[in-house]
Amino acid sequence: MARVTVYDVAEKAGVSDENLPAAYLQCDNTSGMRQIVDHLVDVHHVDEMAFVGGFDSDDVVARYVAFRKCLEERGLDSSDALLDDSFATSDEYMVGLCEAIGSGRLPQALVCGTDQTAFGVIRLLEEAGVRVPDDVIVTGFDGILAGRLMEPQLTTVRQPMEDIGREAARMLLSRNGEPWEKAERRVLPVRLIVRGSCGCNQKI
């Protein structure tokens, strides 16, 4: 697993308040990662986990930064927190995953930056004969419908998509066509949905 510092990744992605547009609306990536890590540690007694990025986006990088911080807060080793060292394309993470499978270096849990990445991870693990969640736990982030339709169902963090849409419309209407005078950033809460891919039997 690659050793990449939080600061290197954040700087690479340009994640900073100075780079925000005039109005910026997002889900609470930090809370979502904390909920995942707490659940894996407290419920499933996981002490070795890695993040699988899969996409180059500010949200995914922010989730990795939060994931790394959560590991450190729980007293867990974060030196190998990133499974692969690239957020560049949607399929480069597969290389790191294949290498981890082939060398027997899979951690107890793979925390994916998005649900779509988790789908690809689970498919690749199944093709390699690695069972989810028996051999390795997999979690996602976003809460899209497809996570409920797969087997096992995907443990994920659900974004409040309807609330995000309504808040975005309200923010635009409140300006009445006028630009923002200064940067405005709003963060909406998220909720962990536990299902079969982490070993829980709930179907939601």
N, C-alpha and C. Protein backbone atom coordinates (compact mmCIF):
# COMPACT_ATOMS: atom_id res chain seq x y z
N MET A 1 0.83 -1.20 0.00
CA MET A 1 0.00 0.00 0.00
C MET A 1 0.87 1.25 0.00
N ALA A 2 0.47 2.24 -0.74
CA ALA A 2 1.28 3.45 -0.89
C ALA A 2 1.23 4.30 0.37
N ARG A 3 2.33 4.96 0.62
CA ARG A 3 2.40 5.86 1.78
C ARG A 3 2.34 7.29 1.28
N VAL A 4 1.19 7.91 1.47
CA VAL A 4 0.97 9.27 0.99
C VAL A 4 0.44 10.09 2.15
N THR A 5 1.01 11.26 2.36
CA THR A 5 0.56 12.08 3.48
C THR A 5 -0.75 12.77 3.15
N VAL A 6 -1.50 13.09 4.19
CA VAL A 6 -2.75 13.83 4.02
C VAL A 6 -2.48 15.13 3.29
N TYR A 7 -1.42 15.80 3.64
CA TYR A 7 -1.14 17.12 3.09
C TYR A 7 -0.79 17.04 1.61
N ASP A 8 -0.05 16.00 1.21
CA ASP A 8 0.29 15.83 -0.20
C ASP A 8 -0.97 15.63 -1.04
N VAL A 9 -1.87 14.78 -0.58
CA VAL A 9 -3.08 14.49 -1.33
C VAL A 9 -3.99 15.70 -1.39
N ALA A 10 -4.16 16.38 -0.27
CA ALA A 10 -5.03 17.55 -0.24
C ALA A 10 -4.50 18.65 -1.15
N GLU A 11 -3.18 18.85 -1.12
CA GLU A 11 -2.59 19.89 -1.96
C GLU A 11 -2.73 19.54 -3.43
N LYS A 12 -2.57 18.25 -3.76
CA LYS A 12 -2.70 17.80 -5.14
C LYS A 12 -4.09 18.08 -5.68
N ALA A 13 -5.09 17.89 -4.86
CA ALA A 13 -6.47 18.07 -5.31
C ALA A 13 -6.95 19.50 -5.18
N GLY A 14 -6.15 20.37 -4.56
CA GLY A 14 -6.56 21.76 -4.42
C GLY A 14 -7.68 21.93 -3.44
N VAL A 15 -7.71 21.12 -2.39
CA VAL A 15 -8.79 21.21 -1.41
C VAL A 15 -8.45 22.27 -0.38
N SER A 16 -9.05 23.43 -0.53
CA SER A 16 -8.85 24.51 0.43
C SER A 16 -9.96 25.51 0.27
N ASP A 17 -10.23 26.26 1.32
CA ASP A 17 -11.30 27.26 1.27
C ASP A 17 -11.04 28.31 0.20
N GLU A 18 -9.77 28.60 -0.06
CA GLU A 18 -9.44 29.63 -1.05
C GLU A 18 -9.88 29.23 -2.45
N ASN A 19 -10.00 27.93 -2.70
CA ASN A 19 -10.36 27.46 -4.03
C ASN A 19 -11.86 27.22 -4.19
N LEU A 20 -12.64 27.51 -3.16
CA LEU A 20 -14.08 27.29 -3.27
C LEU A 20 -14.70 28.32 -4.20
N PRO A 21 -15.75 27.90 -4.93
CA PRO A 21 -16.48 28.88 -5.74
C PRO A 21 -17.27 29.81 -4.83
N ALA A 22 -17.99 30.77 -5.40
CA ALA A 22 -18.73 31.75 -4.60
C ALA A 22 -19.72 31.06 -3.68
N ALA A 23 -20.37 30.00 -4.15
CA ALA A 23 -21.28 29.23 -3.31
C ALA A 23 -20.94 27.76 -3.46
N TYR A 24 -20.77 27.07 -2.33
CA TYR A 24 -20.33 25.68 -2.38
C TYR A 24 -21.18 24.87 -1.41
N LEU A 25 -21.83 23.84 -1.93
CA LEU A 25 -22.72 23.00 -1.14
C LEU A 25 -22.24 21.57 -1.21
N GLN A 26 -22.06 20.93 -0.05
CA GLN A 26 -21.58 19.55 -0.05
C GLN A 26 -22.12 18.80 1.16
N CYS A 27 -21.96 17.48 1.11
CA CYS A 27 -22.35 16.68 2.27
C CYS A 27 -21.19 16.66 3.26
N ASP A 28 -21.46 16.21 4.47
CA ASP A 28 -20.45 16.21 5.54
C ASP A 28 -19.55 14.98 5.39
N ASN A 29 -18.52 15.12 4.56
CA ASN A 29 -17.60 14.01 4.31
C ASN A 29 -16.89 13.56 5.58
N THR A 30 -16.53 14.51 6.42
CA THR A 30 -15.81 14.18 7.66
C THR A 30 -16.66 13.33 8.59
N SER A 31 -17.91 13.74 8.80
CA SER A 31 -18.81 12.98 9.65
C SER A 31 -19.06 11.59 9.07
N GLY A 32 -19.22 11.51 7.74
CA GLY A 32 -19.46 10.22 7.10
C GLY A 32 -18.32 9.26 7.34
N MET A 33 -17.09 9.73 7.17
CA MET A 33 -15.94 8.87 7.39
C MET A 33 -15.82 8.46 8.85
N ARG A 34 -16.13 9.39 9.74
CA ARG A 34 -16.05 9.07 11.16
C ARG A 34 -17.08 7.98 11.53
N GLN A 35 -18.27 8.08 10.96
CA GLN A 35 -19.29 7.07 11.22
C GLN A 35 -18.86 5.69 10.73
N ILE A 36 -18.25 5.65 9.55
CA ILE A 36 -17.77 4.38 9.01
C ILE A 36 -16.68 3.79 9.89
N VAL A 37 -15.66 4.59 10.19
CA VAL A 37 -14.54 4.09 10.98
C VAL A 37 -15.01 3.65 12.37
N ASP A 38 -15.85 4.44 13.00
CA ASP A 38 -16.35 4.07 14.33
C ASP A 38 -17.11 2.76 14.28
N HIS A 39 -17.94 2.57 13.25
CA HIS A 39 -18.71 1.34 13.13
C HIS A 39 -17.79 0.14 12.92
N LEU A 40 -16.82 0.28 12.05
CA LEU A 40 -15.91 -0.84 11.77
C LEU A 40 -15.10 -1.21 13.01
N VAL A 41 -14.66 -0.21 13.74
CA VAL A 41 -13.84 -0.48 14.93
C VAL A 41 -14.69 -0.99 16.08
N ASP A 42 -15.79 -0.30 16.38
CA ASP A 42 -16.58 -0.62 17.57
C ASP A 42 -17.45 -1.86 17.41
N VAL A 43 -17.98 -2.07 16.22
CA VAL A 43 -18.91 -3.20 16.01
C VAL A 43 -18.18 -4.42 15.46
N HIS A 44 -17.29 -4.21 14.49
CA HIS A 44 -16.64 -5.34 13.82
C HIS A 44 -15.20 -5.55 14.26
N HIS A 45 -14.72 -4.73 15.19
CA HIS A 45 -13.39 -4.87 15.76
C HIS A 45 -12.28 -4.86 14.71
N VAL A 46 -12.46 -4.03 13.69
CA VAL A 46 -11.47 -3.89 12.63
C VAL A 46 -10.37 -2.94 13.10
N ASP A 47 -9.13 -3.34 12.95
CA ASP A 47 -8.02 -2.45 13.30
C ASP A 47 -7.06 -2.25 12.13
N GLU A 48 -7.42 -2.81 10.96
CA GLU A 48 -6.62 -2.61 9.76
C GLU A 48 -7.56 -2.37 8.58
N MET A 49 -7.53 -1.17 8.05
CA MET A 49 -8.40 -0.83 6.93
C MET A 49 -7.68 0.12 5.99
N ALA A 50 -8.13 0.14 4.74
CA ALA A 50 -7.50 1.00 3.74
C ALA A 50 -8.58 1.68 2.90
N PHE A 51 -8.23 2.85 2.39
CA PHE A 51 -9.14 3.64 1.58
C PHE A 51 -8.88 3.37 0.10
N VAL A 52 -9.96 3.20 -0.66
CA VAL A 52 -9.86 3.01 -2.11
C VAL A 52 -10.52 4.22 -2.78
N GLY A 53 -9.71 5.06 -3.43
CA GLY A 53 -10.24 6.30 -4.01
C GLY A 53 -11.11 6.07 -5.22
N GLY A 54 -10.49 5.74 -6.34
CA GLY A 54 -11.24 5.41 -7.53
C GLY A 54 -11.62 6.58 -8.41
N PHE A 55 -11.80 7.76 -7.87
CA PHE A 55 -12.18 8.93 -8.65
C PHE A 55 -11.38 10.15 -8.21
N ASP A 56 -11.09 11.02 -9.15
CA ASP A 56 -10.40 12.26 -8.83
C ASP A 56 -11.44 13.36 -8.65
N SER A 57 -11.87 13.57 -7.43
CA SER A 57 -12.84 14.62 -7.12
C SER A 57 -12.52 15.19 -5.75
N ASP A 58 -12.92 16.42 -5.53
CA ASP A 58 -12.67 17.04 -4.23
C ASP A 58 -13.33 16.25 -3.11
N ASP A 59 -14.54 15.74 -3.35
CA ASP A 59 -15.24 14.98 -2.31
C ASP A 59 -14.47 13.72 -1.95
N VAL A 60 -14.00 12.98 -2.94
CA VAL A 60 -13.29 11.72 -2.66
C VAL A 60 -12.00 12.00 -1.90
N VAL A 61 -11.27 13.02 -2.32
CA VAL A 61 -10.02 13.36 -1.62
C VAL A 61 -10.34 13.83 -0.20
N ALA A 62 -11.39 14.62 -0.04
CA ALA A 62 -11.78 15.07 1.31
C ALA A 62 -12.14 13.88 2.19
N ARG A 63 -12.77 12.87 1.59
CA ARG A 63 -13.12 11.67 2.35
C ARG A 63 -11.87 10.91 2.78
N TYR A 64 -10.87 10.87 1.91
CA TYR A 64 -9.62 10.22 2.29
C TYR A 64 -8.93 10.97 3.43
N VAL A 65 -8.87 12.29 3.32
CA VAL A 65 -8.24 13.09 4.36
C VAL A 65 -8.95 12.86 5.69
N ALA A 66 -10.29 12.84 5.66
CA ALA A 66 -11.06 12.60 6.88
C ALA A 66 -10.84 11.18 7.40
N PHE A 67 -10.77 10.21 6.49
CA PHE A 67 -10.52 8.81 6.87
C PHE A 67 -9.19 8.68 7.59
N ARG A 68 -8.17 9.30 7.03
CA ARG A 68 -6.84 9.24 7.64
C ARG A 68 -6.86 9.86 9.04
N LYS A 69 -7.54 10.98 9.17
CA LYS A 69 -7.62 11.65 10.46
C LYS A 69 -8.37 10.79 11.48
N CYS A 70 -9.43 10.13 11.03
CA CYS A 70 -10.22 9.27 11.93
C CYS A 70 -9.39 8.09 12.44
N LEU A 71 -8.58 7.52 11.56
CA LEU A 71 -7.71 6.42 11.99
C LEU A 71 -6.77 6.90 13.09
N GLU A 72 -6.18 8.06 12.88
CA GLU A 72 -5.24 8.59 13.86
C GLU A 72 -5.94 8.89 15.18
N GLU A 73 -7.16 9.40 15.11
CA GLU A 73 -7.91 9.70 16.34
C GLU A 73 -8.23 8.41 17.11
N ARG A 74 -8.42 7.32 16.38
CA ARG A 74 -8.71 6.04 17.05
C ARG A 74 -7.45 5.29 17.45
N GLY A 75 -6.30 5.89 17.21
CA GLY A 75 -5.04 5.25 17.58
C GLY A 75 -4.62 4.14 16.65
N LEU A 76 -5.11 4.17 15.40
CA LEU A 76 -4.78 3.14 14.42
C LEU A 76 -3.70 3.63 13.48
N ASP A 77 -2.92 2.70 12.95
CA ASP A 77 -1.84 3.05 12.02
C ASP A 77 -2.43 3.58 10.72
N SER A 78 -2.03 4.78 10.34
CA SER A 78 -2.54 5.38 9.11
C SER A 78 -1.47 5.48 8.03
N SER A 79 -0.31 4.86 8.25
CA SER A 79 0.78 4.97 7.28
C SER A 79 0.46 4.29 5.96
N ASP A 80 -0.37 3.26 5.99
CA ASP A 80 -0.77 2.56 4.77
C ASP A 80 -2.26 2.73 4.51
N ALA A 81 -2.78 3.91 4.79
CA ALA A 81 -4.23 4.12 4.72
C ALA A 81 -4.77 4.15 3.30
N LEU A 82 -3.92 4.43 2.32
CA LEU A 82 -4.37 4.53 0.93
C LEU A 82 -3.95 3.29 0.17
N LEU A 83 -4.93 2.58 -0.41
CA LEU A 83 -4.61 1.34 -1.12
C LEU A 83 -3.78 1.60 -2.36
N ASP A 84 -4.10 2.67 -3.08
CA ASP A 84 -3.33 3.04 -4.27
C ASP A 84 -2.99 4.52 -4.19
N ASP A 85 -1.97 4.95 -4.92
CA ASP A 85 -1.50 6.33 -4.77
C ASP A 85 -2.02 7.25 -5.86
N SER A 86 -3.12 6.86 -6.51
CA SER A 86 -3.63 7.71 -7.58
C SER A 86 -5.12 7.94 -7.44
N PHE A 87 -5.53 9.19 -7.63
CA PHE A 87 -6.94 9.54 -7.71
C PHE A 87 -7.27 9.95 -9.15
N ALA A 88 -6.39 9.59 -10.10
CA ALA A 88 -6.46 10.17 -11.44
C ALA A 88 -7.62 9.64 -12.29
N THR A 89 -7.87 8.34 -12.27
CA THR A 89 -8.92 7.78 -13.12
C THR A 89 -9.78 6.82 -12.32
N SER A 90 -10.90 6.43 -12.91
CA SER A 90 -11.85 5.59 -12.20
C SER A 90 -11.43 4.13 -12.16
N ASP A 91 -10.38 3.72 -12.88
CA ASP A 91 -10.01 2.32 -12.88
C ASP A 91 -8.59 2.03 -12.42
N GLU A 92 -7.79 3.07 -12.14
CA GLU A 92 -6.41 2.82 -11.71
C GLU A 92 -6.34 2.16 -10.34
N TYR A 93 -7.38 2.35 -9.51
CA TYR A 93 -7.37 1.71 -8.20
C TYR A 93 -7.38 0.20 -8.34
N MET A 94 -7.86 -0.32 -9.48
CA MET A 94 -7.92 -1.77 -9.69
C MET A 94 -6.52 -2.38 -9.66
N VAL A 95 -5.52 -1.61 -10.13
CA VAL A 95 -4.15 -2.12 -10.13
C VAL A 95 -3.68 -2.38 -8.71
N GLY A 96 -3.87 -1.39 -7.84
CA GLY A 96 -3.48 -1.56 -6.45
C GLY A 96 -4.24 -2.68 -5.77
N LEU A 97 -5.52 -2.82 -6.10
CA LEU A 97 -6.33 -3.87 -5.49
C LEU A 97 -5.86 -5.25 -5.95
N CYS A 98 -5.58 -5.39 -7.25
CA CYS A 98 -5.10 -6.67 -7.76
C CYS A 98 -3.77 -7.05 -7.12
N GLU A 99 -2.90 -6.06 -6.95
CA GLU A 99 -1.61 -6.33 -6.30
C GLU A 99 -1.81 -6.78 -4.85
N ALA A 100 -2.74 -6.13 -4.15
CA ALA A 100 -2.99 -6.49 -2.75
C ALA A 100 -3.57 -7.90 -2.65
N ILE A 101 -4.47 -8.24 -3.58
CA ILE A 101 -5.05 -9.59 -3.58
C ILE A 101 -3.98 -10.63 -3.87
N GLY A 102 -3.17 -10.37 -4.91
CA GLY A 102 -2.15 -11.33 -5.32
C GLY A 102 -1.09 -11.58 -4.28
N SER A 103 -0.78 -10.55 -3.50
CA SER A 103 0.27 -10.68 -2.49
C SER A 103 -0.26 -11.04 -1.12
N GLY A 104 -1.59 -11.18 -1.01
CA GLY A 104 -2.19 -11.51 0.28
C GLY A 104 -2.12 -10.38 1.28
N ARG A 105 -2.11 -9.12 0.80
CA ARG A 105 -1.97 -7.97 1.69
C ARG A 105 -3.27 -7.21 1.89
N LEU A 106 -4.40 -7.86 1.64
CA LEU A 106 -5.67 -7.18 1.87
C LEU A 106 -5.88 -6.91 3.35
N PRO A 107 -6.32 -5.71 3.70
CA PRO A 107 -6.63 -5.42 5.11
C PRO A 107 -7.97 -6.05 5.48
N GLN A 108 -8.40 -5.85 6.71
CA GLN A 108 -9.70 -6.39 7.13
C GLN A 108 -10.87 -5.69 6.45
N ALA A 109 -10.69 -4.42 6.08
CA ALA A 109 -11.78 -3.66 5.47
C ALA A 109 -11.24 -2.71 4.41
N LEU A 110 -12.02 -2.56 3.34
CA LEU A 110 -11.73 -1.59 2.29
C LEU A 110 -12.82 -0.53 2.31
N VAL A 111 -12.45 0.69 2.60
CA VAL A 111 -13.39 1.81 2.67
C VAL A 111 -13.29 2.58 1.36
N CYS A 112 -14.34 2.52 0.56
CA CYS A 112 -14.30 3.10 -0.79
C CYS A 112 -14.82 4.54 -0.79
N GLY A 113 -14.24 5.34 -1.68
CA GLY A 113 -14.60 6.75 -1.74
C GLY A 113 -15.98 7.02 -2.28
N THR A 114 -16.53 6.08 -3.07
CA THR A 114 -17.88 6.20 -3.60
C THR A 114 -18.52 4.83 -3.67
N ASP A 115 -19.84 4.79 -3.82
CA ASP A 115 -20.53 3.51 -4.02
C ASP A 115 -20.08 2.85 -5.31
N GLN A 116 -19.91 3.64 -6.38
CA GLN A 116 -19.52 3.07 -7.66
C GLN A 116 -18.16 2.38 -7.56
N THR A 117 -17.24 2.98 -6.82
CA THR A 117 -15.95 2.33 -6.60
C THR A 117 -16.14 1.03 -5.83
N ALA A 118 -17.00 1.04 -4.84
CA ALA A 118 -17.26 -0.16 -4.05
C ALA A 118 -17.81 -1.28 -4.92
N PHE A 119 -18.69 -0.95 -5.88
CA PHE A 119 -19.23 -1.98 -6.77
C PHE A 119 -18.11 -2.65 -7.55
N GLY A 120 -17.19 -1.84 -8.08
CA GLY A 120 -16.08 -2.40 -8.83
C GLY A 120 -15.16 -3.23 -7.95
N VAL A 121 -14.94 -2.78 -6.73
CA VAL A 121 -14.09 -3.52 -5.79
C VAL A 121 -14.70 -4.87 -5.46
N ILE A 122 -15.99 -4.89 -5.16
CA ILE A 122 -16.66 -6.15 -4.82
C ILE A 122 -16.64 -7.12 -5.99
N ARG A 123 -16.87 -6.59 -7.19
CA ARG A 123 -16.84 -7.45 -8.38
C ARG A 123 -15.47 -8.08 -8.57
N LEU A 124 -14.42 -7.29 -8.42
CA LEU A 124 -13.07 -7.80 -8.59
C LEU A 124 -12.72 -8.81 -7.51
N LEU A 125 -13.13 -8.54 -6.28
CA LEU A 125 -12.89 -9.49 -5.19
C LEU A 125 -13.58 -10.81 -5.45
N GLU A 126 -14.83 -10.76 -5.90
CA GLU A 126 -15.57 -11.99 -6.19
C GLU A 126 -14.90 -12.79 -7.29
N GLU A 127 -14.42 -12.09 -8.32
CA GLU A 127 -13.74 -12.78 -9.42
C GLU A 127 -12.46 -13.47 -8.95
N ALA A 128 -11.85 -12.91 -7.90
CA ALA A 128 -10.61 -13.48 -7.34
C ALA A 128 -10.89 -14.52 -6.26
N GLY A 129 -12.17 -14.78 -6.00
CA GLY A 129 -12.53 -15.77 -4.99
C GLY A 129 -12.46 -15.25 -3.57
N VAL A 130 -12.43 -13.92 -3.41
CA VAL A 130 -12.40 -13.30 -2.08
C VAL A 130 -13.83 -12.96 -1.68
N ARG A 131 -14.27 -13.46 -0.54
CA ARG A 131 -15.66 -13.30 -0.11
C ARG A 131 -15.86 -12.02 0.69
N VAL A 132 -16.97 -11.33 0.37
CA VAL A 132 -17.38 -10.13 1.10
C VAL A 132 -18.68 -10.45 1.83
N PRO A 133 -18.73 -10.29 3.15
CA PRO A 133 -17.74 -9.69 4.06
C PRO A 133 -16.87 -10.70 4.79
N ASP A 134 -17.00 -11.99 4.46
CA ASP A 134 -16.29 -13.03 5.22
C ASP A 134 -14.78 -12.85 5.22
N ASP A 135 -14.22 -12.55 4.03
CA ASP A 135 -12.77 -12.40 3.92
C ASP A 135 -12.34 -10.94 4.06
N VAL A 136 -13.15 -10.03 3.57
CA VAL A 136 -12.84 -8.60 3.67
C VAL A 136 -14.14 -7.80 3.63
N ILE A 137 -14.23 -6.81 4.48
CA ILE A 137 -15.38 -5.90 4.52
C ILE A 137 -15.19 -4.82 3.46
N VAL A 138 -16.31 -4.43 2.83
CA VAL A 138 -16.27 -3.33 1.85
C VAL A 138 -17.39 -2.34 2.18
N THR A 139 -17.05 -1.06 2.19
CA THR A 139 -18.06 -0.02 2.40
C THR A 139 -17.98 1.00 1.27
N GLY A 140 -19.09 1.72 1.07
CA GLY A 140 -19.15 2.75 0.04
C GLY A 140 -19.43 4.11 0.65
N PHE A 141 -19.83 5.03 -0.23
CA PHE A 141 -20.20 6.38 0.22
C PHE A 141 -21.03 7.02 -0.88
N ASP A 142 -22.22 7.45 -0.56
CA ASP A 142 -23.17 8.17 -1.42
C ASP A 142 -24.60 7.70 -1.19
N GLY A 143 -24.78 6.38 -1.05
CA GLY A 143 -26.12 5.86 -0.78
C GLY A 143 -27.01 5.77 -1.99
N ILE A 144 -26.44 5.40 -3.16
CA ILE A 144 -27.26 5.28 -4.36
C ILE A 144 -28.06 3.97 -4.32
N LEU A 145 -29.14 3.94 -5.10
CA LEU A 145 -30.10 2.83 -5.06
C LEU A 145 -29.46 1.48 -5.36
N ALA A 146 -28.50 1.45 -6.26
CA ALA A 146 -27.89 0.18 -6.67
C ALA A 146 -27.29 -0.58 -5.49
N GLY A 147 -26.89 0.13 -4.44
CA GLY A 147 -26.32 -0.54 -3.27
C GLY A 147 -27.31 -1.43 -2.56
N ARG A 148 -28.59 -1.15 -2.73
CA ARG A 148 -29.64 -1.98 -2.10
C ARG A 148 -29.97 -3.20 -2.93
N LEU A 149 -29.59 -3.18 -4.21
CA LEU A 149 -30.00 -4.23 -5.13
C LEU A 149 -28.95 -5.31 -5.30
N MET A 150 -27.74 -5.09 -4.78
CA MET A 150 -26.67 -6.06 -4.93
C MET A 150 -26.69 -7.05 -3.76
N GLU A 151 -25.90 -8.10 -3.89
CA GLU A 151 -25.79 -9.09 -2.82
C GLU A 151 -24.32 -9.38 -2.57
N PRO A 152 -23.80 -9.09 -1.35
CA PRO A 152 -24.54 -8.51 -0.24
C PRO A 152 -24.85 -7.04 -0.48
N GLN A 153 -25.90 -6.56 0.19
CA GLN A 153 -26.21 -5.14 0.09
C GLN A 153 -25.05 -4.32 0.66
N LEU A 154 -24.87 -3.14 0.08
CA LEU A 154 -23.70 -2.33 0.41
C LEU A 154 -23.90 -1.45 1.64
N THR A 155 -23.00 -1.59 2.59
CA THR A 155 -22.92 -0.64 3.71
C THR A 155 -22.34 0.65 3.17
N THR A 156 -23.01 1.77 3.45
CA THR A 156 -22.62 3.02 2.83
C THR A 156 -23.02 4.21 3.69
N VAL A 157 -22.57 5.38 3.30
CA VAL A 157 -23.01 6.63 3.91
C VAL A 157 -23.96 7.29 2.93
N ARG A 158 -25.16 7.59 3.38
CA ARG A 158 -26.18 8.15 2.50
C ARG A 158 -26.15 9.67 2.53
N GLN A 159 -26.00 10.26 1.35
CA GLN A 159 -26.11 11.70 1.22
C GLN A 159 -27.58 12.11 1.15
N PRO A 160 -27.95 13.25 1.70
CA PRO A 160 -29.34 13.73 1.61
C PRO A 160 -29.57 14.41 0.26
N MET A 161 -29.70 13.61 -0.81
CA MET A 161 -29.73 14.17 -2.15
C MET A 161 -30.89 15.16 -2.36
N GLU A 162 -32.07 14.82 -1.85
CA GLU A 162 -33.19 15.74 -2.01
C GLU A 162 -32.94 17.05 -1.28
N ASP A 163 -32.39 16.95 -0.08
CA ASP A 163 -32.09 18.16 0.69
C ASP A 163 -31.04 19.01 -0.01
N ILE A 164 -30.04 18.34 -0.61
CA ILE A 164 -29.00 19.08 -1.33
C ILE A 164 -29.61 19.84 -2.49
N GLY A 165 -30.52 19.18 -3.23
CA GLY A 165 -31.17 19.85 -4.35
C GLY A 165 -32.01 21.04 -3.91
N ARG A 166 -32.77 20.84 -2.83
CA ARG A 166 -33.62 21.93 -2.33
C ARG A 166 -32.78 23.09 -1.82
N GLU A 167 -31.70 22.78 -1.10
CA GLU A 167 -30.85 23.84 -0.56
C GLU A 167 -30.14 24.60 -1.68
N ALA A 168 -29.72 23.87 -2.71
CA ALA A 168 -29.07 24.54 -3.84
C ALA A 168 -30.03 25.50 -4.53
N ALA A 169 -31.28 25.06 -4.71
CA ALA A 169 -32.28 25.93 -5.34
C ALA A 169 -32.56 27.15 -4.46
N ARG A 170 -32.65 26.92 -3.14
CA ARG A 170 -32.93 28.02 -2.23
C ARG A 170 -31.79 29.04 -2.25
N MET A 171 -30.55 28.55 -2.28
CA MET A 171 -29.41 29.45 -2.31
C MET A 171 -29.40 30.30 -3.58
N LEU A 172 -29.74 29.69 -4.70
CA LEU A 172 -29.77 30.44 -5.95
C LEU A 172 -30.89 31.48 -5.95
N LEU A 173 -32.06 31.06 -5.48
CA LEU A 173 -33.20 31.98 -5.45
C LEU A 173 -32.95 33.16 -4.51
N SER A 174 -32.24 32.89 -3.43
CA SER A 174 -32.00 33.94 -2.44
C SER A 174 -31.15 35.08 -3.00
N ARG A 175 -30.37 34.78 -4.04
CA ARG A 175 -29.50 35.81 -4.62
C ARG A 175 -30.20 36.61 -5.70
N ASN A 176 -31.32 36.09 -6.18
CA ASN A 176 -32.11 36.81 -7.20
C ASN A 176 -31.25 37.22 -8.40
N GLY A 177 -30.40 36.30 -8.81
CA GLY A 177 -29.56 36.56 -9.97
C GLY A 177 -28.29 37.32 -9.69
N GLU A 178 -28.10 37.78 -8.46
CA GLU A 178 -26.90 38.54 -8.10
C GLU A 178 -25.78 37.59 -7.66
N PRO A 179 -24.52 37.88 -8.00
CA PRO A 179 -23.40 37.03 -7.57
C PRO A 179 -23.17 37.15 -6.07
N TRP A 180 -22.54 36.15 -5.50
CA TRP A 180 -22.19 36.20 -4.08
C TRP A 180 -21.07 37.21 -3.86
N GLU A 181 -21.17 37.92 -2.78
CA GLU A 181 -20.14 38.91 -2.46
C GLU A 181 -18.89 38.26 -1.87
N LYS A 182 -19.07 37.13 -1.22
CA LYS A 182 -17.95 36.38 -0.68
C LYS A 182 -18.29 34.89 -0.71
N ALA A 183 -17.27 34.07 -0.58
CA ALA A 183 -17.47 32.62 -0.65
C ALA A 183 -18.43 32.16 0.45
N GLU A 184 -19.34 31.26 0.08
CA GLU A 184 -20.30 30.73 1.03
C GLU A 184 -20.29 29.20 0.92
N ARG A 185 -20.03 28.54 2.02
CA ARG A 185 -19.91 27.09 2.03
C ARG A 185 -20.88 26.50 3.03
N ARG A 186 -21.71 25.56 2.57
CA ARG A 186 -22.68 24.92 3.45
C ARG A 186 -22.53 23.41 3.38
N VAL A 187 -22.62 22.78 4.53
CA VAL A 187 -22.41 21.34 4.65
C VAL A 187 -23.66 20.70 5.23
N LEU A 188 -24.16 19.66 4.57
CA LEU A 188 -25.37 18.97 5.02
C LEU A 188 -25.01 17.63 5.66
N PRO A 189 -25.78 17.20 6.67
CA PRO A 189 -25.47 15.97 7.40
C PRO A 189 -25.68 14.71 6.57
N VAL A 190 -24.99 13.65 6.95
CA VAL A 190 -25.10 12.35 6.28
C VAL A 190 -25.41 11.28 7.33
N ARG A 191 -25.75 10.08 6.86
CA ARG A 191 -26.11 9.01 7.79
C ARG A 191 -25.54 7.68 7.33
N LEU A 192 -24.93 6.94 8.24
CA LEU A 192 -24.41 5.62 7.93
C LEU A 192 -25.55 4.62 7.79
N ILE A 193 -25.53 3.83 6.70
CA ILE A 193 -26.51 2.77 6.47
C ILE A 193 -25.75 1.45 6.51
N VAL A 194 -26.00 0.64 7.54
CA VAL A 194 -25.27 -0.62 7.69
C VAL A 194 -26.05 -1.75 7.04
N ARG A 195 -25.33 -2.53 6.22
CA ARG A 195 -25.94 -3.65 5.50
C ARG A 195 -24.98 -4.83 5.47
N GLY A 196 -25.18 -5.72 4.53
CA GLY A 196 -24.45 -6.98 4.50
C GLY A 196 -22.98 -6.91 4.18
N SER A 197 -22.53 -5.90 3.44
CA SER A 197 -21.13 -5.90 3.00
C SER A 197 -20.14 -5.64 4.13
N CYS A 198 -20.66 -5.24 5.30
CA CYS A 198 -19.78 -5.09 6.47
C CYS A 198 -19.99 -6.22 7.48
N GLY A 199 -20.97 -7.07 7.17
CA GLY A 199 -21.24 -8.19 8.08
C GLY A 199 -22.50 -8.01 8.90
N CYS A 200 -23.17 -6.87 8.75
CA CYS A 200 -24.45 -6.66 9.40
C CYS A 200 -25.56 -7.25 8.53
N ASN A 201 -26.64 -7.69 9.14
CA ASN A 201 -27.69 -8.37 8.39
C ASN A 201 -28.88 -7.49 8.04
N GLN A 202 -28.78 -6.20 8.35
CA GLN A 202 -29.90 -5.31 8.06
C GLN A 202 -30.04 -5.11 6.57
N LYS A 203 -31.29 -5.06 6.10
CA LYS A 203 -31.60 -4.78 4.70
C LYS A 203 -32.39 -3.49 4.64
N ILE A 204 -31.75 -2.42 4.15
CA ILE A 204 -32.37 -1.10 4.13
C ILE A 204 -32.30 -0.54 2.71
